[in-house]
Structure formats: C-alpha cells, structure tokens
C-alpha cells in the first residue's frame, strides 16, 4: 500500500492511497483459501472446490468486501502512523467510473482512494498555576431564609370561600378573554383561572382592577402591556380583558410552625428552614460556579491562540445561528430590532463559535493529561435526567441514544468538561471574595454579549427570563 500526501495546507490534509491489484488479489485468495473447507457447492466434495471456481463464483463479492474493509479501517491506521488526529470523520473518495470499478473488483486494476480531513492542531498548554480567579461567595442572611420560608407558607396557605367583594390578598377564580384592537390574541384567554390579588403574576394594572368585584360580576378592564414585554407584538399595546368572576376565597391564617412543616412532610419548622437555606445556597453556588468558570474560560482563551479546524467551527456556528434565528422568529423580531445587522451578527457569532471550539480542544487536552474519566454510572445518570424531561416517551428516548451515533458522546461531553473544570480548580489560584446577592447576580458585559436572547412567549402572565449558559461545548 502506497500513501502519498497531496495536500498540506494549514490544518487541511489530503492523502492518496494506492493498493496494488496484486495485493488485493493475494488477500482475496487468502480469504478464498480460508473459506474453501467450509463451502459446500453442488458437484464438489467438501473441501475439494478448486480455488479457480471459488474465485469465479465469489471473487467479486469478496473483493468488494475487501474494499469496504479498507475504507473503513485504513484511514484510522494511516492517521495513527502519521501521528495525526482528524477533527471530524475523514471524507473518502473513490472512483465513480463503472469500468474502472469493475476492473478493481476483477483484480485487474490497482485500488485507489483518497481521504481528506482536518487535523487536530498541536499546541502546548499554558501554565495553569498562573491562572488567577476570584470566587464570589454570598453569606445567606437569616432574613432571606425567612422570606423564602414565608413564600413556601404562602403557597401552602388555605383559602375559604367568601361572600362579598374581592379584596387584596383574596384568591379569585375568573374567566378572561384579552383583546387588542378588538381582536383576541394568542395566550390572552383562560377559564377557571385562579389568581391571588397582589401576587403580581399578571401584567401591571390587571389584578388591582379585580378589587371590589363580587361572585358573578362581569367587567371589562383595560391595561397596557409594558414596553419591554416579552411578546414583541404585544409590547406597549393597550388591551382589554373581558372578566367574569366565578368564585372568591379569603386567605386563611399564615403561621410558620411545626404544623406547617408537617403538611410539607417535614418534622419541624427548623427542618424547613434548614432545607430552604440549603436550596438558596445551592442556587447561589451555581451562579458562583458559572462566573468562576467564565473567568477560567476567558483566561484559557487568552492564553491559547491557535487555528481551529474549520469544519468544527462551521458546525458550531450553524448550531448557534439556528438558535438565534429561531429565537428571533419566535419573538417576531429582526436583527434591526436588536440594534444590529445580519452581517454583524454573523461575525459576532462566528467569533463565539471559534472560541467554543478552541476552548473545547484546550479543555479536552487538559482533561486527557489529567486522566479525567466519565464513568458508566455518570453517563447512566445523565441519560436518566434526559429521559425524565420527556414523560411518556421514555422508550423513544432510550432508543434514540442507543441508535443515534454521537448521542452518547453528547451526554459525555458536558460531564467531562465539568470534571475538567473541577480538576483545574485544584491547581489554579482561587481567591474567595464575599459579595452581596446583587453583586453575585449581576451579569457582566462579556457574559451578556455571549448569551443568546432568552426565549420569550406572550401569555398574560409574567415569566422570568432564563439565560443560557455559554460554556465551551
């Protein structure tokens, strides 16, 4: 077998492989000889079939099998011999000429094929001990714990049917139909909706106009959607809502005590406070980790400047670009609405794709050198978490991960990355800094610039926007 490099440009490589017809024929004869004793052909005793007859009957099919084996196995061994790793699956090209292909299968012509690929670039890791980061830590005050416990208690508060007018704090059951310019809009209608007046679940001005209404009352109220409302087609618009009050209930007494805790399946109010504090600490801890991770990634990005494989960058960019365009479409917006142009946005997200790919390669090398491993148990837990997101479709999800190439790798990658970050935390310089909740939760400009806009919908209720993490992928 002869291997000739026909292209070496940047990270791009192309190789021409030639397997002489004599070698192909020799391998075919070996396979025929191995099969000779096992084949039973009418007119011949077992093991006595002439090789020439076997070649005539099975020669082409065995030669085709050899061709398939070579294009499946040889690229891997060739790259290993060259000390190279392909960034993606190598592209293999063979002759499309039928006569030439027939000659190869008949052992009358050399088998030639080419492989094109991009190599994983060689680079040296920076001295990780020089990476310095600040870990922002929030001490959860007792007041915040009590505030959260109070919210838990509010959610468990009982309501008793009430006659008379609705007041602040009462729970009303209503039907409503929202209209803009006299036309009903999507997400603006509901029946038997339960709403606690003063909870601020609905847009400003809505709940206050329910005060004073009685069971059976009907009323048309007018509100104006906020200028920054998540549904662009409703933002800043005046709307009317046809309201019908179906029931009113007054709140029961609110007490934070052991009895309340027991209704929640806990032993005591102290245990409730302990769990609430732990949940708050976990929430802040996640934010702390993400901001710490961003600092690490920013410094790794700054310390490692090398060309990334274009195919990996292209794939990452297309993934980001689909998400951006889908979100714009969902929100009825254009790039102009985001104070940019498509060209500028493409350039921005192309840079983001390059950063993600480069950081992915850096973290991969860090993890490999540190011996980071993802266990089967970790993969199984991750798969279980994915399955839980789709109740009723468990079998389909399991089948997808079993049958889809790369699906399991998509579970492994984020686990490997987080474990690599954990490893880095043991060797970099980390300084703890006490901050307020407001300081911790504040997004820095770099973070905001990399986060695609939060997905937004258009119901009458307000919903908190969720920001996506932008770690290397």
Protein backbone atom coordinates (compact mmCIF):
# COMPACT_ATOMS: atom_id res chain seq x y z
CA UNK A 1 0.00 0.00 0.00
CA UNK A 2 1.35 3.39 -1.03
CA UNK A 3 0.35 6.58 0.83
CA UNK A 4 1.07 9.94 -0.78
CA UNK A 5 0.28 13.32 0.79
CA UNK A 6 -1.32 15.50 -1.88
CA UNK A 7 -2.32 18.48 0.30
CA UNK A 8 -0.89 20.01 3.48
CA UNK A 9 -2.36 23.46 3.86
CA UNK A 10 -2.86 24.79 7.38
CA UNK A 11 -4.82 22.07 9.15
CA UNK A 12 -6.11 20.55 5.91
CA UNK A 13 -4.69 17.27 4.69
CA UNK A 14 -5.38 15.06 1.69
CA UNK A 15 -3.84 11.65 1.10
CA UNK A 16 -3.86 9.36 -1.91
CA UNK A 17 -3.80 5.65 -1.12
CA UNK A 18 -2.93 3.03 -3.74
CA UNK A 19 -3.30 -0.70 -3.06
CA UNK A 20 -1.72 -2.70 -5.92
CA UNK A 21 -4.02 -5.12 -7.73
CA UNK A 22 -1.60 -7.95 -6.88
CA UNK A 23 -2.01 -7.25 -3.13
CA UNK A 24 -5.78 -7.13 -3.46
CA UNK A 25 -5.79 -10.43 -5.35
CA UNK A 26 -3.47 -12.01 -2.78
CA UNK A 27 -5.78 -11.02 0.08
CA UNK A 28 -8.77 -12.31 -1.86
CA UNK A 29 -7.05 -15.66 -2.44
CA UNK A 30 -6.28 -15.92 1.28
CA UNK A 31 -9.95 -15.42 2.11
CA UNK A 32 -10.97 -17.97 -0.52
CA UNK A 33 -8.49 -20.47 0.90
CA UNK A 34 -9.88 -19.94 4.42
CA UNK A 35 -13.42 -20.47 3.12
CA UNK A 36 -12.60 -23.44 0.90
CA UNK A 37 -13.04 -26.06 3.59
CA UNK A 38 -16.33 -24.61 4.78
CA UNK A 39 -18.10 -24.19 1.45
CA UNK A 40 -20.39 -26.82 0.02
CA UNK A 41 -21.05 -26.43 -3.68
CA UNK A 42 -23.12 -28.89 -5.69
CA UNK A 43 -20.92 -31.20 -7.73
CA UNK A 44 -17.91 -30.93 -5.42
CA UNK A 45 -16.93 -32.84 -2.32
CA UNK A 46 -16.46 -30.74 0.88
CA UNK A 47 -13.04 -29.08 0.83
CA UNK A 48 -12.36 -30.08 -2.78
CA UNK A 49 -13.75 -27.00 -4.56
CA UNK A 50 -11.00 -25.56 -6.82
CA UNK A 51 -9.85 -22.04 -5.90
CA UNK A 52 -10.39 -21.01 -9.51
CA UNK A 53 -14.06 -21.99 -9.26
CA UNK A 54 -14.49 -20.20 -5.94
CA UNK A 55 -12.89 -17.12 -7.46
CA UNK A 56 -15.28 -17.23 -10.38
CA UNK A 57 -18.33 -17.54 -8.10
CA UNK A 58 -17.32 -15.40 -5.13
CA UNK A 59 -14.34 -13.36 -6.29
CA UNK A 60 -16.13 -10.07 -6.91
CA UNK A 61 -18.12 -10.17 -3.68
CA UNK A 62 -15.01 -10.90 -1.62
CA UNK A 63 -13.12 -8.14 -3.42
CA UNK A 64 -15.99 -5.75 -2.64
CA UNK A 65 -15.78 -6.83 0.98
CA UNK A 66 -12.03 -6.09 0.98
CA UNK A 67 -12.67 -2.62 -0.49
CA UNK A 68 -15.21 -1.85 2.23
CA UNK A 69 -12.88 -3.09 4.97
CA UNK A 70 -10.07 -0.92 3.65
CA UNK A 71 -12.05 2.32 3.50
CA UNK A 72 -13.44 1.59 6.99
CA UNK A 73 -10.19 0.59 8.69
CA UNK A 74 -7.23 2.02 6.76
CA UNK A 75 -7.85 5.77 7.37
CA UNK A 76 -7.62 5.21 11.15
CA UNK A 77 -4.39 3.24 10.95
CA UNK A 78 -2.86 5.60 8.39
CA UNK A 79 -3.54 8.66 10.57
CA UNK A 80 -2.19 6.80 13.60
CA UNK A 81 1.02 6.02 11.70
CA UNK A 82 1.29 9.71 10.80
CA UNK A 83 0.69 10.76 14.40
CA UNK A 84 -2.39 12.76 13.42
CA UNK A 85 -5.95 13.02 14.74
CA UNK A 86 -8.79 14.02 12.46
CA UNK A 87 -11.12 16.73 13.78
CA UNK A 88 -14.10 15.11 12.03
CA UNK A 89 -14.81 11.92 10.11
CA UNK A 90 -12.41 11.92 7.12
CA UNK A 91 -14.01 12.35 3.70
CA UNK A 92 -13.29 9.36 1.47
CA UNK A 93 -13.41 9.49 -2.31
CA UNK A 94 -13.25 6.55 -4.74
CA UNK A 95 -13.64 6.21 -8.46
CA UNK A 96 -17.16 6.63 -9.83
CA UNK A 97 -16.26 5.14 -13.22
CA UNK A 98 -18.08 1.80 -13.60
CA UNK A 99 -15.49 0.24 -15.88
CA UNK A 100 -12.64 1.19 -13.54
CA UNK A 101 -14.58 -0.07 -10.52
CA UNK A 102 -15.28 -3.36 -12.31
CA UNK A 103 -11.60 -3.74 -13.12
CA UNK A 104 -10.72 -3.28 -9.43
CA UNK A 105 -13.22 -5.95 -8.38
CA UNK A 106 -11.79 -8.31 -11.03
CA UNK A 107 -8.28 -7.73 -9.69
CA UNK A 108 -7.22 -6.11 -12.98
CA UNK A 109 -6.50 -2.59 -11.62
CA UNK A 110 -5.00 -1.03 -8.51
CA UNK A 111 -7.46 0.10 -5.87
CA UNK A 112 -7.05 3.85 -5.38
CA UNK A 113 -8.89 6.14 -2.99
CA UNK A 114 -8.25 9.44 -1.24
CA UNK A 115 -9.02 10.80 2.21
CA UNK A 116 -9.46 14.48 3.07
CA UNK A 117 -9.52 15.71 6.67
CA UNK A 118 -8.50 18.43 9.07
CA UNK A 119 -6.10 17.60 11.85
CA UNK A 120 -6.49 18.50 15.49
CA UNK A 121 -3.85 21.22 15.88
CA UNK A 122 -0.82 20.59 18.05
CA UNK A 123 -0.46 23.13 20.85
CA UNK A 124 1.14 23.41 24.27
CA UNK A 125 -0.98 24.04 27.32
CA UNK A 126 -0.30 27.21 29.26
CA UNK A 127 0.93 27.04 32.85
CA UNK A 128 -2.37 26.55 34.66
CA UNK A 129 -0.89 27.57 38.00
CA UNK A 130 -0.72 31.12 36.64
CA UNK A 131 -4.47 31.29 36.16
CA UNK A 132 -5.94 33.53 38.87
CA UNK A 133 -9.65 33.78 39.54
CA UNK A 134 -11.94 35.29 42.16
CA UNK A 135 -14.70 33.15 43.64
CA UNK A 136 -17.62 35.33 44.71
CA UNK A 137 -19.28 33.98 47.84
CA UNK A 138 -22.60 35.08 49.34
CA UNK A 139 -23.41 34.55 53.00
CA UNK A 140 -27.12 33.81 53.08
CA UNK A 141 -28.71 36.07 55.71
CA UNK A 142 -31.40 34.73 58.04
CA UNK A 143 -33.78 37.36 56.67
CA UNK A 144 -33.62 35.85 53.20
CA UNK A 145 -34.25 32.39 54.58
CA UNK A 146 -37.32 33.68 56.42
CA UNK A 147 -38.51 35.42 53.28
CA UNK A 148 -38.30 32.20 51.30
CA UNK A 149 -39.95 30.21 54.08
CA UNK A 150 -42.76 32.75 54.04
CA UNK A 151 -43.20 32.17 50.31
CA UNK A 152 -43.38 28.43 50.92
CA UNK A 153 -46.00 29.09 53.55
CA UNK A 154 -47.90 31.36 51.14
CA UNK A 155 -48.03 28.56 48.60
CA UNK A 156 -49.43 26.26 51.28
CA UNK A 157 -51.92 28.80 52.60
CA UNK A 158 -55.52 27.64 52.65
CA UNK A 159 -58.41 29.72 51.33
CA UNK A 160 -62.03 29.68 52.47
CA UNK A 161 -64.99 30.59 50.24
CA UNK A 162 -66.06 34.19 50.78
CA UNK A 163 -69.17 36.23 50.04
CA UNK A 164 -68.90 39.90 49.27
CA UNK A 165 -66.30 41.91 47.43
CA UNK A 166 -62.83 40.74 46.47
CA UNK A 167 -60.01 42.39 48.41
CA UNK A 168 -56.24 42.46 48.20
CA UNK A 169 -54.92 39.01 49.16
CA UNK A 170 -58.11 37.18 48.18
CA UNK A 171 -58.00 34.35 45.66
CA UNK A 172 -60.39 34.85 42.76
CA UNK A 173 -61.44 32.29 40.16
CA UNK A 174 -62.09 34.01 36.83
CA UNK A 175 -62.64 33.53 33.12
CA UNK A 176 -60.92 36.12 30.97
CA UNK A 177 -60.51 37.00 27.30
CA UNK A 178 -57.89 39.51 26.21
CA UNK A 179 -58.20 41.65 23.09
CA UNK A 180 -56.01 44.16 21.26
CA UNK A 181 -57.80 46.50 18.86
CA UNK A 182 -60.92 44.41 19.42
CA UNK A 183 -59.26 41.15 18.33
CA UNK A 184 -58.48 38.28 20.73
CA UNK A 185 -54.76 37.45 20.90
CA UNK A 186 -52.96 34.15 21.48
CA UNK A 187 -52.27 33.39 25.14
CA UNK A 188 -54.72 36.02 26.35
CA UNK A 189 -57.61 33.75 27.39
CA UNK A 190 -58.29 31.27 30.15
CA UNK A 191 -61.13 29.70 32.09
CA UNK A 192 -61.32 28.95 35.82
CA UNK A 193 -58.02 30.73 36.30
CA UNK A 194 -57.07 31.12 39.96
CA UNK A 195 -55.30 34.32 40.92
CA UNK A 196 -54.31 35.75 44.29
CA UNK A 197 -54.79 39.51 44.11
CA UNK A 198 -51.48 41.19 44.90
CA UNK A 199 -49.32 38.28 43.78
CA UNK A 200 -48.20 40.28 40.71
CA UNK A 201 -48.47 37.23 38.49
CA UNK A 202 -50.30 39.17 35.79
CA UNK A 203 -49.25 42.32 33.96
CA UNK A 204 -49.28 45.61 35.93
CA UNK A 205 -52.75 47.07 36.47
CA UNK A 206 -54.62 43.80 35.93
CA UNK A 207 -55.01 42.50 39.47
CA UNK A 208 -55.88 45.83 41.07
CA UNK A 209 -58.99 46.15 38.88
CA UNK A 210 -60.40 42.95 40.35
CA UNK A 211 -60.69 44.51 43.81
CA UNK A 212 -64.32 45.22 44.68
CA UNK A 213 -65.83 42.67 42.31
CA UNK A 214 -68.23 40.01 43.60
CA UNK A 215 -69.00 36.46 42.53
CA UNK A 216 -70.96 36.56 39.26
CA UNK A 217 -69.76 40.06 38.32
CA UNK A 218 -68.60 40.73 34.77
CA UNK A 219 -66.32 43.60 33.85
CA UNK A 220 -64.13 44.85 31.04
CA UNK A 221 -60.78 46.11 32.30
CA UNK A 222 -58.14 48.00 30.35
CA UNK A 223 -54.38 47.57 30.78
CA UNK A 224 -51.26 48.45 28.83
CA UNK A 225 -48.56 45.88 28.20
CA UNK A 226 -45.10 47.01 29.35
CA UNK A 227 -42.85 48.42 26.63
CA UNK A 228 -40.34 45.63 27.42
CA UNK A 229 -42.97 42.87 27.42
CA UNK A 230 -41.57 39.55 26.23
CA UNK A 231 -44.02 39.17 23.33
CA UNK A 232 -42.95 41.81 20.81
CA UNK A 233 -46.36 42.02 19.11
CA UNK A 234 -47.97 42.99 22.44
CA UNK A 235 -45.24 45.21 23.90
CA UNK A 236 -46.57 48.69 24.67
CA UNK A 237 -50.06 47.84 23.36
CA UNK A 238 -53.29 48.74 25.16
CA UNK A 239 -55.52 45.73 25.73
CA UNK A 240 -58.95 44.99 27.17
CA UNK A 241 -59.91 41.90 29.14
CA UNK A 242 -63.46 40.59 29.46
CA UNK A 243 -63.61 39.32 33.04
CA UNK A 244 -66.16 37.05 34.72
CA UNK A 245 -65.75 36.35 38.45
CA UNK A 246 -66.72 32.76 39.29
CA UNK A 247 -65.59 32.48 42.92
CA UNK A 248 -63.85 34.42 45.70
CA UNK A 249 -61.93 32.93 48.62
CA UNK A 250 -60.32 34.64 51.62
CA UNK A 251 -56.86 33.62 52.84
CA UNK A 252 -56.52 31.57 56.00
CA UNK A 253 -54.17 32.47 58.81
CA UNK A 254 -50.49 32.23 57.91
CA UNK A 255 -48.24 30.68 60.53
CA UNK A 256 -44.77 29.29 60.21
CA UNK A 257 -44.66 26.47 62.72
CA UNK A 258 -44.15 22.74 63.09
CA UNK A 259 -47.67 22.05 61.88
CA UNK A 260 -46.95 23.82 58.60
CA UNK A 261 -43.74 21.83 58.23
CA UNK A 262 -45.59 18.56 58.79
CA UNK A 263 -48.04 19.38 55.99
CA UNK A 264 -44.96 19.52 53.77
CA UNK A 265 -43.69 16.15 55.01
CA UNK A 266 -41.05 17.61 57.36
CA UNK A 267 -40.52 17.14 61.08
CA UNK A 268 -40.33 20.76 62.16
CA UNK A 269 -40.14 24.41 61.16
CA UNK A 270 -36.40 24.31 61.88
CA UNK A 271 -36.00 21.48 59.34
CA UNK A 272 -37.97 23.55 56.83
CA UNK A 273 -35.61 26.50 57.37
CA UNK A 274 -32.60 24.19 57.03
CA UNK A 275 -33.83 22.86 53.69
CA UNK A 276 -34.71 26.34 52.41
CA UNK A 277 -31.25 27.64 53.38
CA UNK A 278 -29.62 24.72 51.59
CA UNK A 279 -31.66 25.42 48.44
CA UNK A 280 -30.68 29.10 48.48
CA UNK A 281 -27.03 28.20 48.98
CA UNK A 282 -27.23 25.75 46.06
CA UNK A 283 -28.75 28.44 43.82
CA UNK A 284 -26.05 30.94 44.69
CA UNK A 285 -23.43 28.21 44.40
CA UNK A 286 -24.48 27.51 40.82
CA UNK A 287 -24.14 31.19 39.93
CA UNK A 288 -20.78 31.35 41.71
CA UNK A 289 -19.53 28.35 39.74
CA UNK A 290 -20.71 29.73 36.40
CA UNK A 291 -18.99 33.08 36.99
CA UNK A 292 -15.87 31.31 38.18
CA UNK A 293 -15.97 29.04 35.14
CA UNK A 294 -16.30 32.05 32.87
CA UNK A 295 -13.18 33.59 34.38
CA UNK A 296 -11.29 30.34 33.79
CA UNK A 297 -12.51 30.06 30.20
CA UNK A 298 -11.67 33.71 29.48
CA UNK A 299 -8.11 33.21 30.69
CA UNK A 300 -7.70 29.92 28.86
CA UNK A 301 -8.97 31.64 25.72
CA UNK A 302 -6.46 34.44 26.15
CA UNK A 303 -3.59 32.03 26.81
CA UNK A 304 -4.23 29.75 23.84
CA UNK A 305 -4.25 31.19 20.34
CA UNK A 306 -4.20 28.64 17.55
CA UNK A 307 -6.13 27.84 14.39
CA UNK A 308 -9.24 25.74 14.97
CA UNK A 309 -10.49 23.12 12.48
CA UNK A 310 -12.88 24.95 10.15
CA UNK A 311 -15.36 22.08 9.96
CA UNK A 312 -15.78 22.09 13.74
CA UNK A 313 -16.19 25.86 13.73
CA UNK A 314 -18.71 25.66 10.88
CA UNK A 315 -20.78 23.07 12.75
CA UNK A 316 -20.72 25.08 15.99
CA UNK A 317 -21.63 28.29 14.16
CA UNK A 318 -24.56 26.64 12.39
CA UNK A 319 -25.87 25.37 15.72
CA UNK A 320 -25.67 28.85 17.27
CA UNK A 321 -27.10 30.52 14.18
CA UNK A 322 -30.13 28.21 14.09
CA UNK A 323 -30.84 29.01 17.72
CA UNK A 324 -30.52 32.76 17.20
CA UNK A 325 -32.80 32.79 14.17
CA UNK A 326 -35.35 30.55 15.88
CA UNK A 327 -35.50 32.89 18.86
CA UNK A 328 -35.87 35.95 16.63
CA UNK A 329 -38.68 34.20 14.77
CA UNK A 330 -40.39 33.13 17.99
CA UNK A 331 -40.34 36.71 19.23
CA UNK A 332 -41.34 38.28 15.92
CA UNK A 333 -38.13 40.29 15.82
CA UNK A 334 -35.39 41.08 13.31
CA UNK A 335 -31.71 41.87 13.67
CA UNK A 336 -32.61 45.55 13.33
CA UNK A 337 -34.79 45.23 16.45
CA UNK A 338 -31.66 44.05 18.27
CA UNK A 339 -29.70 47.12 17.06
CA UNK A 340 -27.51 45.07 14.73
CA UNK A 341 -27.39 43.68 11.21
CA UNK A 342 -27.32 40.10 9.99
CA UNK A 343 -23.77 40.59 8.74
CA UNK A 344 -22.57 41.96 12.09
CA UNK A 345 -24.40 39.22 13.98
CA UNK A 346 -22.83 36.54 11.78
CA UNK A 347 -19.38 37.95 12.51
CA UNK A 348 -20.08 38.09 16.26
CA UNK A 349 -21.39 34.53 16.49
CA UNK A 350 -18.66 33.22 14.22
CA UNK A 351 -16.15 34.51 16.77
CA UNK A 352 -18.16 32.83 19.52
CA UNK A 353 -18.10 29.53 17.59
CA UNK A 354 -14.32 29.79 17.16
CA UNK A 355 -13.92 30.47 20.87
CA UNK A 356 -16.06 27.49 21.85
CA UNK A 357 -14.20 25.11 19.56
CA UNK A 358 -10.79 26.34 20.69
CA UNK A 359 -11.75 26.11 24.37
CA UNK A 360 -13.24 22.68 23.77
CA UNK A 361 -9.88 21.49 22.41
CA UNK A 362 -7.99 23.07 25.31
CA UNK A 363 -10.27 21.53 27.94
CA UNK A 364 -10.09 18.18 26.14
CA UNK A 365 -6.30 18.22 26.34
CA UNK A 366 -6.32 19.36 29.98
CA UNK A 367 -8.72 16.57 30.88
CA UNK A 368 -6.82 13.91 28.95
CA UNK A 369 -3.49 14.85 30.53
CA UNK A 370 -5.14 14.85 33.97
CA UNK A 371 -6.70 11.44 33.35
CA UNK A 372 -10.26 12.70 33.67
CA UNK A 373 -12.72 9.87 33.06
CA UNK A 374 -16.50 9.73 32.71
CA UNK A 375 -17.87 6.59 34.34
CA UNK A 376 -20.71 4.45 33.05
CA UNK A 377 -22.69 5.38 36.16
CA UNK A 378 -22.31 9.08 35.37
CA UNK A 379 -23.46 8.53 31.82
CA UNK A 380 -26.40 6.48 33.06
CA UNK A 381 -27.46 9.23 35.47
CA UNK A 382 -27.21 11.81 32.70
CA UNK A 383 -29.31 9.62 30.40
CA UNK A 384 -31.88 9.22 33.17
CA UNK A 385 -32.08 13.01 33.55
CA UNK A 386 -32.72 13.33 29.82
CA UNK A 387 -35.44 10.69 29.95
CA UNK A 388 -37.16 12.45 32.87
CA UNK A 389 -37.62 15.53 30.69
CA UNK A 390 -39.94 13.59 28.36
CA UNK A 391 -42.53 11.72 30.46
CA UNK A 392 -44.39 9.15 28.44
CA UNK A 393 -41.63 8.98 25.83
CA UNK A 394 -39.08 7.03 27.85
CA UNK A 395 -38.69 4.18 25.34
CA UNK A 396 -38.26 6.56 22.40
CA UNK A 397 -35.54 8.50 24.23
CA UNK A 398 -33.67 5.33 25.22
CA UNK A 399 -33.91 4.05 21.63
CA UNK A 400 -32.59 7.37 20.33
CA UNK A 401 -29.46 7.22 22.47
CA UNK A 402 -28.88 3.57 21.59
CA UNK A 403 -29.28 4.00 17.85
CA UNK A 404 -28.01 7.53 17.13
CA UNK A 405 -24.26 7.85 16.52
CA UNK A 406 -22.77 10.54 18.73
CA UNK A 407 -25.79 10.77 21.03
CA UNK A 408 -23.97 9.23 23.99
CA UNK A 409 -21.00 11.49 23.26
CA UNK A 410 -23.32 14.46 23.68
CA UNK A 411 -24.02 13.22 27.22
CA UNK A 412 -20.36 12.58 27.94
CA UNK A 413 -19.03 15.96 26.76
CA UNK A 414 -20.60 18.24 29.42
CA UNK A 415 -19.74 15.77 32.21
CA UNK A 416 -16.13 15.59 31.02
CA UNK A 417 -15.99 19.38 30.83
CA UNK A 418 -17.32 19.92 34.36
CA UNK A 419 -14.93 17.32 35.78
CA UNK A 420 -12.07 19.03 33.95
CA UNK A 421 -13.09 22.36 35.48
CA UNK A 422 -13.11 20.62 38.87
CA UNK A 423 -9.57 19.45 38.20
CA UNK A 424 -8.46 22.96 37.19
CA UNK A 425 -9.90 24.30 40.43
CA UNK A 426 -7.32 22.21 42.30
CA UNK A 427 -4.31 23.75 40.51
CA UNK A 428 -5.25 27.35 39.71
CA UNK A 429 -5.08 30.31 42.10
CA UNK A 430 -8.55 30.85 43.58
CA UNK A 431 -9.30 33.76 45.91
CA UNK A 432 -12.61 33.92 47.76
CA UNK A 433 -14.42 37.24 47.95
CA UNK A 434 -17.55 37.95 49.97
CA UNK A 435 -20.16 39.81 47.91
CA UNK A 436 -23.78 40.79 48.19
CA UNK A 437 -26.53 38.89 46.44
CA UNK A 438 -26.94 41.78 44.00
CA UNK A 439 -23.24 41.73 43.10
CA UNK A 440 -23.27 37.99 42.56
CA UNK A 441 -26.35 38.02 40.35
CA UNK A 442 -25.22 40.94 38.20
CA UNK A 443 -24.28 39.87 34.67
CA UNK A 444 -21.03 41.23 33.36
CA UNK A 445 -20.85 42.64 29.83
CA UNK A 446 -18.88 39.72 28.46
CA UNK A 447 -21.44 37.26 29.75
CA UNK A 448 -24.34 39.22 28.30
CA UNK A 449 -22.63 39.53 24.92
CA UNK A 450 -22.31 35.76 24.56
CA UNK A 451 -25.80 34.81 25.72
CA UNK A 452 -28.47 34.46 23.08
CA UNK A 453 -31.63 36.34 23.94
CA UNK A 454 -33.85 34.45 26.37
CA UNK A 455 -36.77 32.70 24.77
CA UNK A 456 -39.91 34.75 25.23
CA UNK A 457 -43.59 33.99 24.91
CA UNK A 458 -46.78 36.01 25.02
CA UNK A 459 -49.17 34.94 27.79
CA UNK A 460 -50.85 37.46 30.02
CA UNK A 461 -48.77 36.21 32.94
CA UNK A 462 -45.26 37.49 33.61
CA UNK A 463 -42.46 34.96 33.39
CA UNK A 464 -38.85 35.29 34.45
CA UNK A 465 -36.40 35.10 31.54
CA UNK A 466 -33.96 32.23 31.70
CA UNK A 467 -30.43 32.83 30.44
CA UNK A 468 -28.50 30.07 28.75
CA UNK A 469 -25.03 29.11 29.87
CA UNK A 470 -22.25 29.80 27.40
CA UNK A 471 -19.56 27.38 28.46
CA UNK A 472 -17.41 25.81 25.77
CA UNK A 473 -19.17 22.91 24.10
